[in-house]
C-alpha cells in the first residue's frame, strides 16, 4: 500500500514487469485510476475498488512454467549482443 511517502514510477513498473509503459498507462486510464493532483499525475486506487476486485471469482489461467522461455526486456538489453569491430 503506497501512502505517498514512497514513489513508484510507471517506468519502474514497466522495467519490473516487462509491460510497456503505454500499456500500463492505458490500463490505468481505462480503470479510471490516474488523477491529476498537486500538479502531478498520480495513480489513485480506492480501497473499495480493491475489495470488489479481490472478491470477483475470476478464473485464473495457469500454464506449465516449464513450457515458458521468457526474459524481461530490461534483462535482454543488459545481456545484449556483443559484436567485435
C-alpha atoms as a PDB file:
ATOM      1  CA  UNK A   1       0.000   0.000   0.000  1.00  0.00           C
ATOM      2  CA  UNK A   2       1.500   3.323  -1.045  1.00  0.00           C
ATOM      3  CA  UNK A   3       0.856   6.265   1.247  1.00  0.00           C
ATOM      4  CA  UNK A   4       2.505   8.959  -0.852  1.00  0.00           C
ATOM      5  CA  UNK A   5       5.708   8.745   1.155  1.00  0.00           C
ATOM      6  CA  UNK A   6       7.125   6.252  -1.298  1.00  0.00           C
ATOM      7  CA  UNK A   7       7.091   6.879  -5.044  1.00  0.00           C
ATOM      8  CA  UNK A   8       6.963   4.176  -7.674  1.00  0.00           C
ATOM      9  CA  UNK A   9       7.162   5.376 -11.237  1.00  0.00           C
ATOM     10  CA  UNK A  10       5.339   3.752 -14.135  1.00  0.00           C
ATOM     11  CA  UNK A  11       8.723   3.383 -15.810  1.00  0.00           C
ATOM     12  CA  UNK A  12       9.864   1.270 -12.830  1.00  0.00           C
ATOM     13  CA  UNK A  13       6.751  -0.905 -13.046  1.00  0.00           C
ATOM     14  CA  UNK A  14       7.458  -1.374 -16.742  1.00  0.00           C
ATOM     15  CA  UNK A  15      11.044  -2.442 -16.079  1.00  0.00           C
ATOM     16  CA  UNK A  16       9.981  -4.843 -13.306  1.00  0.00           C
ATOM     17  CA  UNK A  17       7.200  -6.486 -15.324  1.00  0.00           C
ATOM     18  CA  UNK A  18       8.274  -6.172 -18.945  1.00  0.00           C
ATOM     19  CA  UNK A  19       4.952  -4.468 -19.761  1.00  0.00           C
ATOM     20  CA  UNK A  20       5.186  -1.395 -21.992  1.00  0.00           C
ATOM     21  CA  UNK A  21       4.617   1.921 -20.209  1.00  0.00           C
ATOM     22  CA  UNK A  22       1.941   2.791 -22.772  1.00  0.00           C
ATOM     23  CA  UNK A  23       0.029  -0.378 -21.890  1.00  0.00           C
ATOM     24  CA  UNK A  24       0.292   0.326 -18.160  1.00  0.00           C
ATOM     25  CA  UNK A  25      -0.963   3.890 -18.633  1.00  0.00           C
ATOM     26  CA  UNK A  26      -3.777   2.770 -20.930  1.00  0.00           C
ATOM     27  CA  UNK A  27      -4.931   0.158 -18.426  1.00  0.00           C
ATOM     28  CA  UNK A  28      -4.818   2.611 -15.522  1.00  0.00           C
ATOM     29  CA  UNK A  29      -6.784   5.152 -17.572  1.00  0.00           C
ATOM     30  CA  UNK A  30      -9.423   2.586 -18.537  1.00  0.00           C
ATOM     31  CA  UNK A  31      -9.835   1.734 -14.847  1.00  0.00           C
ATOM     32  CA  UNK A  32     -10.078   5.461 -14.023  1.00  0.00           C
ATOM     33  CA  UNK A  33      -7.071   5.176 -11.711  1.00  0.00           C
ATOM     34  CA  UNK A  34      -4.995   8.139 -12.922  1.00  0.00           C
ATOM     35  CA  UNK A  35      -5.728  11.507 -11.353  1.00  0.00           C
ATOM     36  CA  UNK A  36      -4.129  14.941 -11.545  1.00  0.00           C
ATOM     37  CA  UNK A  37      -3.229  16.014  -8.010  1.00  0.00           C
ATOM     38  CA  UNK A  38      -0.988  18.858  -6.821  1.00  0.00           C
ATOM     39  CA  UNK A  39       0.362  19.398 -10.319  1.00  0.00           C
ATOM     40  CA  UNK A  40       1.222  15.744 -10.960  1.00  0.00           C
ATOM     41  CA  UNK A  41      -0.443  12.687 -12.393  1.00  0.00           C
ATOM     42  CA  UNK A  42      -0.842  10.042  -9.714  1.00  0.00           C
ATOM     43  CA  UNK A  43      -2.263   6.546  -9.555  1.00  0.00           C
ATOM     44  CA  UNK A  44      -5.311   6.632  -7.336  1.00  0.00           C
ATOM     45  CA  UNK A  45      -6.876   3.438  -6.015  1.00  0.00           C
ATOM     46  CA  UNK A  46      -9.866   3.407  -3.694  1.00  0.00           C
ATOM     47  CA  UNK A  47      -9.935   0.648  -1.086  1.00  0.00           C
ATOM     48  CA  UNK A  48     -13.495  -0.328  -2.051  1.00  0.00           C
ATOM     49  CA  UNK A  49     -12.318  -0.824  -5.646  1.00  0.00           C
ATOM     50  CA  UNK A  50      -9.630  -3.228  -4.436  1.00  0.00           C
ATOM     51  CA  UNK A  51     -12.109  -5.098  -2.239  1.00  0.00           C
ATOM     52  CA  UNK A  52     -14.563  -5.504  -5.135  1.00  0.00           C
ATOM     53  CA  UNK A  53     -11.807  -6.631  -7.470  1.00  0.00           C
ATOM     54  CA  UNK A  54     -10.438  -9.165  -4.994  1.00  0.00           C
ATOM     55  CA  UNK A  55     -13.961 -10.511  -4.337  1.00  0.00           C
ATOM     56  CA  UNK A  56     -14.504 -11.346  -8.009  1.00  0.00           C
ATOM     57  CA  UNK A  57     -14.398 -15.017  -8.791  1.00  0.00           C
ATOM     58  CA  UNK A  58     -12.211 -14.756 -11.855  1.00  0.00           C
ATOM     59  CA  UNK A  59     -10.882 -17.922 -13.346  1.00  0.00           C
ATOM     60  CA  UNK A  60      -7.105 -17.866 -13.216  1.00  0.00           C
ATOM     61  CA  UNK A  61      -5.400 -19.280 -16.260  1.00  0.00           C
ATOM     62  CA  UNK A  62      -2.244 -21.114 -15.450  1.00  0.00           C
ATOM     63  CA  UNK A  63       0.283 -22.599 -17.765  1.00  0.00           C
ATOM     64  CA  UNK A  64       3.121 -25.025 -17.311  1.00  0.00           C
ATOM     65  CA  UNK A  65       6.123 -22.895 -16.365  1.00  0.00           C
ATOM     66  CA  UNK A  66       8.414 -25.496 -17.962  1.00  0.00           C
ATOM     67  CA  UNK A  67       6.970 -24.516 -21.339  1.00  0.00           C
ATOM     68  CA  UNK A  68       7.840 -20.830 -20.931  1.00  0.00           C
ATOM     69  CA  UNK A  69      11.056 -19.229 -22.075  1.00  0.00           C
ATOM     70  CA  UNK A  70      10.840 -15.518 -21.373  1.00  0.00           C
ATOM     71  CA  UNK A  71      13.336 -12.845 -20.443  1.00  0.00           C
ATOM     72  CA  UNK A  72      12.141  -9.361 -19.459  1.00  0.00           C
ATOM     73  CA  UNK A  73      13.071  -6.688 -21.967  1.00  0.00           C
ATOM     74  CA  UNK A  74      15.357  -4.947 -19.458  1.00  0.00           C
ATOM     75  CA  UNK A  75      17.324  -8.170 -18.948  1.00  0.00           C
ATOM     76  CA  UNK A  76      17.708  -8.729 -22.705  1.00  0.00           C
ATOM     77  CA  UNK A  77      19.145  -5.218 -23.033  1.00  0.00           C
ATOM     78  CA  UNK A  78      21.686  -5.902 -20.261  1.00  0.00           C
ATOM     79  CA  UNK A  79      22.895  -9.107 -21.877  1.00  0.00           C
ATOM     80  CA  UNK A  80      22.939  -7.505 -25.305  1.00  0.00           C
ATOM     81  CA  UNK A  81      24.691  -8.938 -28.304  1.00  0.00           C
ATOM     82  CA  UNK A  82      28.369  -8.197 -28.394  1.00  0.00           C
ATOM     83  CA  UNK A  83      29.895  -7.555 -31.737  1.00  0.00           C
ATOM     84  CA  UNK A  84      33.582  -7.182 -32.398  1.00  0.00           C
ATOM     85  CA  UNK A  85      34.839  -4.499 -34.734  1.00  0.00           C
END
